[in-house]
N, C-alpha and C. Protein backbone atom coordinates (compact mmCIF):
# COMPACT_ATOMS: atom_id res chain seq x y z
N MET A 1 0.83 -1.18 0.00
CA MET A 1 0.00 0.00 0.00
C MET A 1 0.88 1.24 0.00
N GLN A 2 0.51 2.21 -0.83
CA GLN A 2 1.29 3.42 -0.99
C GLN A 2 1.06 4.37 0.19
N ASP A 3 2.15 4.98 0.71
CA ASP A 3 2.03 5.96 1.79
C ASP A 3 1.83 7.33 1.16
N ASN A 4 0.64 7.89 1.36
CA ASN A 4 0.30 9.18 0.78
C ASN A 4 0.26 10.29 1.81
N SER A 5 0.80 10.06 2.99
CA SER A 5 0.67 11.04 4.07
C SER A 5 1.48 12.29 3.81
N ASN A 6 2.47 12.22 2.93
CA ASN A 6 3.31 13.39 2.68
C ASN A 6 3.09 13.95 1.29
N ILE A 7 1.88 13.86 0.76
CA ILE A 7 1.59 14.39 -0.56
C ILE A 7 1.89 15.88 -0.58
N SER A 8 2.46 16.30 -1.67
CA SER A 8 2.75 17.71 -1.86
C SER A 8 2.25 18.10 -3.25
N PHE A 9 1.30 19.01 -3.29
CA PHE A 9 0.77 19.47 -4.57
C PHE A 9 1.69 20.53 -5.14
N SER A 10 2.04 20.40 -6.41
CA SER A 10 2.83 21.41 -7.11
C SER A 10 2.47 21.36 -8.58
N GLY A 11 2.85 22.40 -9.29
CA GLY A 11 2.57 22.47 -10.71
C GLY A 11 1.31 23.27 -11.01
N ALA A 12 1.12 23.54 -12.28
CA ALA A 12 -0.06 24.27 -12.75
C ALA A 12 -0.64 23.55 -13.95
N PHE A 13 -1.96 23.52 -14.01
CA PHE A 13 -2.68 22.81 -15.06
C PHE A 13 -3.83 23.67 -15.57
N SER A 14 -4.11 23.56 -16.84
CA SER A 14 -5.26 24.25 -17.43
C SER A 14 -6.34 23.22 -17.72
N TYR A 15 -7.50 23.43 -17.14
CA TYR A 15 -8.63 22.52 -17.31
C TYR A 15 -9.87 23.34 -17.62
N SER A 16 -10.96 22.65 -17.94
CA SER A 16 -12.24 23.30 -18.19
C SER A 16 -13.33 22.61 -17.39
N LEU A 17 -14.30 23.38 -16.96
CA LEU A 17 -15.48 22.81 -16.32
C LEU A 17 -16.33 22.13 -17.38
N ASP A 18 -17.02 21.07 -16.99
CA ASP A 18 -17.98 20.48 -17.92
C ASP A 18 -19.32 21.21 -17.78
N SER A 19 -20.32 20.75 -18.49
CA SER A 19 -21.62 21.44 -18.51
C SER A 19 -22.33 21.41 -17.16
N LYS A 20 -21.90 20.53 -16.25
CA LYS A 20 -22.52 20.45 -14.92
C LYS A 20 -21.62 21.07 -13.85
N CYS A 21 -20.70 21.94 -14.29
CA CYS A 21 -19.78 22.65 -13.38
C CYS A 21 -18.90 21.69 -12.59
N ARG A 22 -18.50 20.60 -13.22
CA ARG A 22 -17.59 19.66 -12.60
C ARG A 22 -16.19 19.88 -13.15
N LEU A 23 -15.21 19.68 -12.28
CA LEU A 23 -13.82 19.86 -12.65
C LEU A 23 -13.07 18.58 -12.36
N SER A 24 -12.30 18.12 -13.32
CA SER A 24 -11.46 16.94 -13.11
C SER A 24 -10.25 17.33 -12.27
N ILE A 25 -9.99 16.54 -11.24
CA ILE A 25 -8.77 16.70 -10.47
C ILE A 25 -7.65 16.07 -11.30
N PRO A 26 -6.54 16.78 -11.52
CA PRO A 26 -5.46 16.19 -12.33
C PRO A 26 -5.08 14.80 -11.82
N ALA A 27 -4.88 13.89 -12.76
CA ALA A 27 -4.56 12.49 -12.43
C ALA A 27 -3.36 12.40 -11.50
N LYS A 28 -2.39 13.27 -11.70
CA LYS A 28 -1.19 13.29 -10.86
C LYS A 28 -1.58 13.39 -9.38
N TYR A 29 -2.59 14.17 -9.08
CA TYR A 29 -3.03 14.36 -7.70
C TYR A 29 -3.97 13.25 -7.24
N ARG A 30 -4.88 12.85 -8.10
CA ARG A 30 -5.85 11.81 -7.73
C ARG A 30 -5.16 10.53 -7.31
N LYS A 31 -4.12 10.14 -8.04
CA LYS A 31 -3.43 8.88 -7.77
C LYS A 31 -2.73 8.89 -6.42
N SER A 32 -2.40 10.07 -5.94
CA SER A 32 -1.63 10.12 -4.69
C SER A 32 -2.47 10.53 -3.48
N LEU A 33 -3.77 10.74 -3.67
CA LEU A 33 -4.61 11.11 -2.53
C LEU A 33 -4.75 9.96 -1.54
N ASP A 34 -4.67 10.27 -0.30
CA ASP A 34 -4.76 9.30 0.79
C ASP A 34 -6.19 8.73 0.85
N PRO A 35 -6.34 7.42 0.94
CA PRO A 35 -7.68 6.84 1.07
C PRO A 35 -8.42 7.37 2.31
N GLY A 36 -7.67 7.86 3.29
CA GLY A 36 -8.28 8.41 4.50
C GLY A 36 -9.09 9.67 4.25
N ASN A 37 -9.02 10.20 3.04
CA ASN A 37 -9.83 11.38 2.70
C ASN A 37 -11.27 10.98 2.35
N ASN A 38 -11.52 9.69 2.28
CA ASN A 38 -12.84 9.17 1.96
C ASN A 38 -13.42 9.77 0.68
N GLY A 39 -12.55 10.05 -0.29
CA GLY A 39 -13.01 10.60 -1.56
C GLY A 39 -13.61 11.98 -1.42
N MET A 40 -13.16 12.74 -0.44
CA MET A 40 -13.77 14.04 -0.15
C MET A 40 -12.75 15.16 -0.24
N MET A 41 -13.17 16.27 -0.84
CA MET A 41 -12.39 17.50 -0.88
C MET A 41 -13.21 18.59 -0.22
N VAL A 42 -12.54 19.62 0.27
CA VAL A 42 -13.23 20.76 0.88
C VAL A 42 -12.83 22.01 0.10
N LEU A 43 -13.84 22.73 -0.38
CA LEU A 43 -13.62 23.96 -1.14
C LEU A 43 -14.00 25.16 -0.28
N VAL A 44 -13.16 26.19 -0.32
CA VAL A 44 -13.44 27.45 0.38
C VAL A 44 -12.96 28.60 -0.49
N LYS A 45 -13.49 29.78 -0.19
CA LYS A 45 -13.03 30.99 -0.85
C LYS A 45 -11.59 31.26 -0.43
N GLY A 46 -10.78 31.66 -1.40
CA GLY A 46 -9.40 32.02 -1.11
C GLY A 46 -9.29 33.49 -0.72
N PHE A 47 -8.07 33.92 -0.49
CA PHE A 47 -7.82 35.28 -0.03
C PHE A 47 -7.48 36.24 -1.16
N ASP A 48 -7.24 35.72 -2.36
CA ASP A 48 -6.83 36.56 -3.48
C ASP A 48 -7.77 36.44 -4.67
N GLY A 49 -8.97 35.95 -4.45
CA GLY A 49 -9.94 35.81 -5.54
C GLY A 49 -10.01 34.41 -6.12
N GLU A 50 -9.25 33.49 -5.57
CA GLU A 50 -9.24 32.11 -6.02
C GLU A 50 -10.09 31.24 -5.10
N LEU A 51 -10.24 29.99 -5.47
CA LEU A 51 -10.84 29.00 -4.59
C LEU A 51 -9.73 28.09 -4.09
N MET A 52 -9.83 27.69 -2.83
CA MET A 52 -8.86 26.77 -2.26
C MET A 52 -9.55 25.42 -2.11
N VAL A 53 -8.84 24.35 -2.50
CA VAL A 53 -9.37 22.99 -2.45
C VAL A 53 -8.42 22.14 -1.61
N TYR A 54 -8.96 21.60 -0.52
CA TYR A 54 -8.17 20.78 0.40
C TYR A 54 -8.66 19.34 0.38
N PRO A 55 -7.76 18.36 0.33
CA PRO A 55 -8.19 17.00 0.65
C PRO A 55 -8.71 17.02 2.10
N LEU A 56 -9.66 16.18 2.40
CA LEU A 56 -10.30 16.21 3.72
C LEU A 56 -9.29 16.19 4.86
N LYS A 57 -8.30 15.31 4.81
CA LYS A 57 -7.32 15.22 5.91
C LYS A 57 -6.56 16.53 6.09
N ASN A 58 -6.22 17.19 5.00
CA ASN A 58 -5.53 18.47 5.09
C ASN A 58 -6.46 19.54 5.66
N TRP A 59 -7.75 19.47 5.30
CA TRP A 59 -8.73 20.43 5.81
C TRP A 59 -8.89 20.28 7.33
N LEU A 60 -8.85 19.05 7.80
CA LEU A 60 -8.99 18.84 9.24
C LEU A 60 -7.87 19.52 10.02
N VAL A 61 -6.69 19.60 9.42
CA VAL A 61 -5.58 20.33 10.04
C VAL A 61 -5.92 21.82 10.11
N VAL A 62 -6.48 22.35 9.03
CA VAL A 62 -6.90 23.76 9.01
C VAL A 62 -7.97 23.99 10.08
N GLU A 63 -8.95 23.11 10.16
CA GLU A 63 -10.00 23.25 11.18
C GLU A 63 -9.41 23.27 12.59
N ASN A 64 -8.43 22.42 12.85
CA ASN A 64 -7.80 22.43 14.17
C ASN A 64 -7.09 23.75 14.44
N GLU A 65 -6.46 24.31 13.43
CA GLU A 65 -5.82 25.63 13.58
C GLU A 65 -6.88 26.69 13.89
N LEU A 66 -7.98 26.64 13.18
CA LEU A 66 -9.06 27.61 13.42
C LEU A 66 -9.65 27.42 14.81
N ARG A 67 -9.79 26.19 15.21
CA ARG A 67 -10.33 25.86 16.53
C ARG A 67 -9.45 26.42 17.65
N SER A 68 -8.15 26.52 17.39
CA SER A 68 -7.21 26.97 18.42
C SER A 68 -7.27 28.48 18.65
N LEU A 69 -7.92 29.22 17.74
CA LEU A 69 -8.05 30.66 17.93
C LEU A 69 -9.00 30.96 19.08
N ASN A 70 -8.66 31.91 19.89
CA ASN A 70 -9.49 32.31 21.03
C ASN A 70 -10.80 32.92 20.53
N SER A 71 -11.92 32.26 20.81
CA SER A 71 -13.21 32.72 20.29
C SER A 71 -13.77 33.91 21.06
N ILE A 72 -13.11 34.33 22.11
CA ILE A 72 -13.56 35.53 22.82
C ILE A 72 -13.21 36.78 22.01
N LYS A 73 -12.15 36.69 21.21
CA LYS A 73 -11.73 37.83 20.40
C LYS A 73 -12.60 37.93 19.15
N ARG A 74 -13.17 39.09 18.94
CA ARG A 74 -14.06 39.32 17.80
C ARG A 74 -13.37 39.05 16.47
N ARG A 75 -12.14 39.52 16.30
CA ARG A 75 -11.47 39.32 15.00
C ARG A 75 -11.27 37.84 14.71
N ASN A 76 -11.02 37.03 15.75
CA ASN A 76 -10.88 35.59 15.56
C ASN A 76 -12.20 34.97 15.13
N ARG A 77 -13.28 35.36 15.81
CA ARG A 77 -14.61 34.84 15.44
C ARG A 77 -14.94 35.22 14.01
N ASN A 78 -14.66 36.46 13.65
CA ASN A 78 -14.97 36.91 12.29
C ASN A 78 -14.15 36.16 11.25
N PHE A 79 -12.88 35.93 11.56
CA PHE A 79 -12.02 35.20 10.64
C PHE A 79 -12.52 33.76 10.45
N VAL A 80 -12.78 33.09 11.55
CA VAL A 80 -13.26 31.70 11.48
C VAL A 80 -14.59 31.65 10.74
N ARG A 81 -15.48 32.56 11.04
CA ARG A 81 -16.79 32.61 10.37
C ARG A 81 -16.62 32.81 8.87
N THR A 82 -15.74 33.73 8.49
CA THR A 82 -15.51 34.02 7.08
C THR A 82 -15.02 32.78 6.33
N ILE A 83 -14.13 32.04 6.95
CA ILE A 83 -13.61 30.83 6.31
C ILE A 83 -14.66 29.73 6.25
N LEU A 84 -15.27 29.45 7.39
CA LEU A 84 -16.15 28.28 7.48
C LEU A 84 -17.49 28.45 6.78
N LYS A 85 -17.98 29.67 6.66
CA LYS A 85 -19.30 29.83 6.04
C LYS A 85 -19.28 29.48 4.55
N THR A 86 -18.10 29.46 3.95
CA THR A 86 -18.02 29.11 2.53
C THR A 86 -17.52 27.69 2.30
N ALA A 87 -17.16 26.99 3.36
CA ALA A 87 -16.59 25.65 3.21
C ALA A 87 -17.65 24.67 2.69
N SER A 88 -17.31 23.98 1.63
CA SER A 88 -18.20 22.98 1.04
C SER A 88 -17.45 21.66 0.93
N HIS A 89 -18.01 20.62 1.55
CA HIS A 89 -17.44 19.27 1.43
C HIS A 89 -17.98 18.66 0.15
N ILE A 90 -17.06 18.32 -0.76
CA ILE A 90 -17.45 17.86 -2.09
C ILE A 90 -16.84 16.49 -2.35
N PRO A 91 -17.66 15.51 -2.68
CA PRO A 91 -17.10 14.19 -3.00
C PRO A 91 -16.45 14.19 -4.38
N ILE A 92 -15.40 13.38 -4.50
CA ILE A 92 -14.78 13.15 -5.80
C ILE A 92 -15.56 12.00 -6.43
N ASP A 93 -16.10 12.22 -7.62
CA ASP A 93 -16.91 11.16 -8.24
C ASP A 93 -16.01 10.08 -8.83
N SER A 94 -16.62 9.05 -9.38
CA SER A 94 -15.87 7.89 -9.88
C SER A 94 -14.98 8.23 -11.08
N HIS A 95 -15.17 9.42 -11.66
CA HIS A 95 -14.35 9.85 -12.79
C HIS A 95 -13.30 10.89 -12.36
N GLY A 96 -13.16 11.08 -11.04
CA GLY A 96 -12.15 12.00 -10.54
C GLY A 96 -12.52 13.47 -10.63
N ARG A 97 -13.84 13.74 -10.63
CA ARG A 97 -14.30 15.13 -10.75
C ARG A 97 -14.94 15.60 -9.45
N ILE A 98 -14.90 16.92 -9.26
CA ILE A 98 -15.64 17.54 -8.17
C ILE A 98 -16.62 18.54 -8.78
N ALA A 99 -17.82 18.60 -8.21
CA ALA A 99 -18.83 19.55 -8.65
C ALA A 99 -18.68 20.81 -7.81
N ILE A 100 -18.41 21.92 -8.45
CA ILE A 100 -18.14 23.16 -7.73
C ILE A 100 -19.44 23.95 -7.58
N PRO A 101 -19.80 24.30 -6.34
CA PRO A 101 -21.04 25.07 -6.12
C PRO A 101 -21.03 26.40 -6.87
N GLU A 102 -22.18 26.79 -7.35
CA GLU A 102 -22.32 28.02 -8.13
C GLU A 102 -21.84 29.26 -7.36
N THR A 103 -22.13 29.30 -6.06
CA THR A 103 -21.71 30.47 -5.28
C THR A 103 -20.19 30.62 -5.28
N LEU A 104 -19.47 29.51 -5.23
CA LEU A 104 -18.01 29.58 -5.25
C LEU A 104 -17.50 29.93 -6.65
N LEU A 105 -18.13 29.39 -7.67
CA LEU A 105 -17.74 29.75 -9.04
C LEU A 105 -17.94 31.25 -9.27
N ASN A 106 -19.05 31.78 -8.78
CA ASN A 106 -19.32 33.21 -8.94
C ASN A 106 -18.28 34.05 -8.20
N PHE A 107 -17.93 33.63 -6.99
CA PHE A 107 -16.92 34.36 -6.23
C PHE A 107 -15.61 34.47 -7.01
N ALA A 108 -15.17 33.37 -7.60
CA ALA A 108 -13.88 33.32 -8.32
C ALA A 108 -14.01 33.73 -9.78
N HIS A 109 -15.22 34.08 -10.22
CA HIS A 109 -15.47 34.48 -11.61
C HIS A 109 -15.03 33.40 -12.59
N ILE A 110 -15.23 32.15 -12.18
CA ILE A 110 -14.90 31.02 -13.06
C ILE A 110 -16.14 30.64 -13.84
N GLU A 111 -16.00 30.67 -15.17
CA GLU A 111 -17.12 30.32 -16.03
C GLU A 111 -16.87 28.99 -16.75
N LYS A 112 -15.72 28.83 -17.33
CA LYS A 112 -15.42 27.60 -18.08
C LYS A 112 -13.98 27.15 -17.83
N ASN A 113 -13.03 28.02 -18.13
CA ASN A 113 -11.62 27.65 -18.02
C ASN A 113 -11.12 27.87 -16.60
N VAL A 114 -10.26 26.96 -16.16
CA VAL A 114 -9.73 26.98 -14.80
C VAL A 114 -8.24 26.69 -14.83
N THR A 115 -7.48 27.48 -14.10
CA THR A 115 -6.07 27.16 -13.86
C THR A 115 -6.00 26.55 -12.47
N ILE A 116 -5.44 25.35 -12.39
CA ILE A 116 -5.28 24.64 -11.12
C ILE A 116 -3.81 24.74 -10.73
N ILE A 117 -3.57 25.26 -9.53
CA ILE A 117 -2.19 25.42 -9.06
C ILE A 117 -2.00 24.61 -7.79
N GLY A 118 -0.97 23.79 -7.76
CA GLY A 118 -0.63 23.04 -6.55
C GLY A 118 0.07 23.94 -5.56
N MET A 119 -0.42 23.95 -4.31
CA MET A 119 0.12 24.84 -3.27
C MET A 119 0.51 24.03 -2.02
N ILE A 120 1.27 22.99 -2.20
CA ILE A 120 1.79 22.10 -1.17
C ILE A 120 0.69 21.27 -0.52
N ASN A 121 -0.16 21.88 0.31
CA ASN A 121 -1.18 21.11 1.03
C ASN A 121 -2.58 21.30 0.46
N ARG A 122 -2.70 22.07 -0.60
CA ARG A 122 -4.00 22.36 -1.19
C ARG A 122 -3.83 22.70 -2.67
N LEU A 123 -4.95 22.82 -3.35
CA LEU A 123 -4.97 23.31 -4.72
C LEU A 123 -5.63 24.68 -4.74
N GLU A 124 -5.24 25.49 -5.69
CA GLU A 124 -5.95 26.74 -5.93
C GLU A 124 -6.59 26.65 -7.30
N LEU A 125 -7.82 27.15 -7.40
CA LEU A 125 -8.54 27.21 -8.66
C LEU A 125 -8.71 28.68 -9.03
N TRP A 126 -8.25 29.06 -10.21
CA TRP A 126 -8.29 30.44 -10.65
C TRP A 126 -8.98 30.57 -12.00
N ASN A 127 -9.66 31.68 -12.19
CA ASN A 127 -10.02 32.12 -13.53
C ASN A 127 -8.69 32.54 -14.16
N PRO A 128 -8.31 31.98 -15.32
CA PRO A 128 -6.99 32.27 -15.89
C PRO A 128 -6.73 33.75 -16.14
N GLU A 129 -7.75 34.49 -16.53
CA GLU A 129 -7.58 35.92 -16.80
C GLU A 129 -7.32 36.68 -15.50
N ILE A 130 -8.03 36.33 -14.45
CA ILE A 130 -7.83 37.00 -13.16
C ILE A 130 -6.46 36.64 -12.60
N LEU A 131 -6.02 35.40 -12.77
CA LEU A 131 -4.70 35.00 -12.32
C LEU A 131 -3.62 35.79 -13.05
N ALA A 132 -3.75 35.96 -14.36
CA ALA A 132 -2.77 36.71 -15.14
C ALA A 132 -2.70 38.16 -14.66
N GLN A 133 -3.87 38.73 -14.38
CA GLN A 133 -3.93 40.11 -13.88
C GLN A 133 -3.27 40.19 -12.49
N TYR A 134 -3.60 39.25 -11.63
CA TYR A 134 -3.04 39.22 -10.28
C TYR A 134 -1.51 39.10 -10.34
N GLU A 135 -1.02 38.20 -11.17
CA GLU A 135 0.42 38.02 -11.29
C GLU A 135 1.12 39.25 -11.85
N ALA A 136 0.48 39.93 -12.80
CA ALA A 136 1.05 41.16 -13.36
C ALA A 136 1.17 42.24 -12.29
N GLU A 137 0.19 42.31 -11.41
CA GLU A 137 0.22 43.30 -10.33
C GLU A 137 1.30 42.98 -9.30
N GLN A 138 1.60 41.71 -9.13
CA GLN A 138 2.57 41.29 -8.11
C GLN A 138 4.01 41.38 -8.59
N THR A 139 4.24 41.38 -9.88
CA THR A 139 5.59 41.29 -10.43
C THR A 139 6.53 42.35 -9.89
N ASP A 140 6.06 43.58 -9.74
CA ASP A 140 6.93 44.66 -9.27
C ASP A 140 7.49 44.40 -7.88
N ASN A 141 6.72 43.78 -7.03
CA ASN A 141 7.14 43.56 -5.65
C ASN A 141 7.82 42.21 -5.43
N ASP A 142 7.65 41.28 -6.36
CA ASP A 142 8.10 39.91 -6.14
C ASP A 142 9.57 39.79 -5.78
N SER A 143 10.45 40.47 -6.51
CA SER A 143 11.90 40.29 -6.28
C SER A 143 12.26 40.66 -4.84
N ARG A 144 11.79 41.78 -4.38
CA ARG A 144 12.12 42.23 -3.02
C ARG A 144 11.49 41.31 -1.97
N ILE A 145 10.23 40.95 -2.17
CA ILE A 145 9.54 40.08 -1.22
C ILE A 145 10.17 38.70 -1.19
N PHE A 146 10.46 38.14 -2.37
CA PHE A 146 11.05 36.81 -2.44
C PHE A 146 12.42 36.79 -1.78
N GLU A 147 13.18 37.86 -1.97
CA GLU A 147 14.50 37.94 -1.35
C GLU A 147 14.38 37.93 0.17
N ASP A 148 13.42 38.69 0.70
CA ASP A 148 13.19 38.70 2.15
C ASP A 148 12.76 37.32 2.65
N LEU A 149 11.87 36.67 1.92
CA LEU A 149 11.40 35.34 2.33
C LEU A 149 12.52 34.31 2.27
N ALA A 150 13.40 34.44 1.30
CA ALA A 150 14.50 33.49 1.18
C ALA A 150 15.39 33.50 2.40
N ASN A 151 15.40 34.61 3.12
CA ASN A 151 16.17 34.68 4.36
C ASN A 151 15.52 33.89 5.48
N ASP A 152 14.22 33.63 5.36
CA ASP A 152 13.47 32.94 6.40
C ASP A 152 13.43 31.42 6.24
N ILE A 153 13.78 30.94 5.04
CA ILE A 153 13.74 29.50 4.79
C ILE A 153 15.04 29.07 4.14
N SER A 154 15.29 27.79 4.15
CA SER A 154 16.44 27.25 3.44
C SER A 154 15.99 26.87 2.05
N PHE A 155 16.29 27.67 1.09
CA PHE A 155 15.82 27.46 -0.28
C PHE A 155 16.97 27.16 -1.18
């Protein structure tokens, strides 16, 4: 049996939604998903206009982090509420697809084409045009920011 506990998502893929708003998970990722995810992914709104997709086991780690925030603090409650109110548990069908709720598609302005980006513990789903615009806006700051971050990690 394959050990999938250390799966790391990376790479970028261009896919399209089908007529029922289903998206195929790239085979590279499907083959390495842990059976402990029970064929389930969790979709939430991202912070930059994208959708974030977590395998269930990875999402449970996020939930534990959210649970650890002190709920007496208003900003913590608001943050947790903002994340959890959009969370949708979506089964992966027998063809490796997930059906994306219309509210999440509208949030990310995804109509047909989708760029899927591996982000270590999750996937990001982007409207390709919005991603290109976002990346163009970030380019000016990237060199300085990346240099600062490189000091914080062994790269």
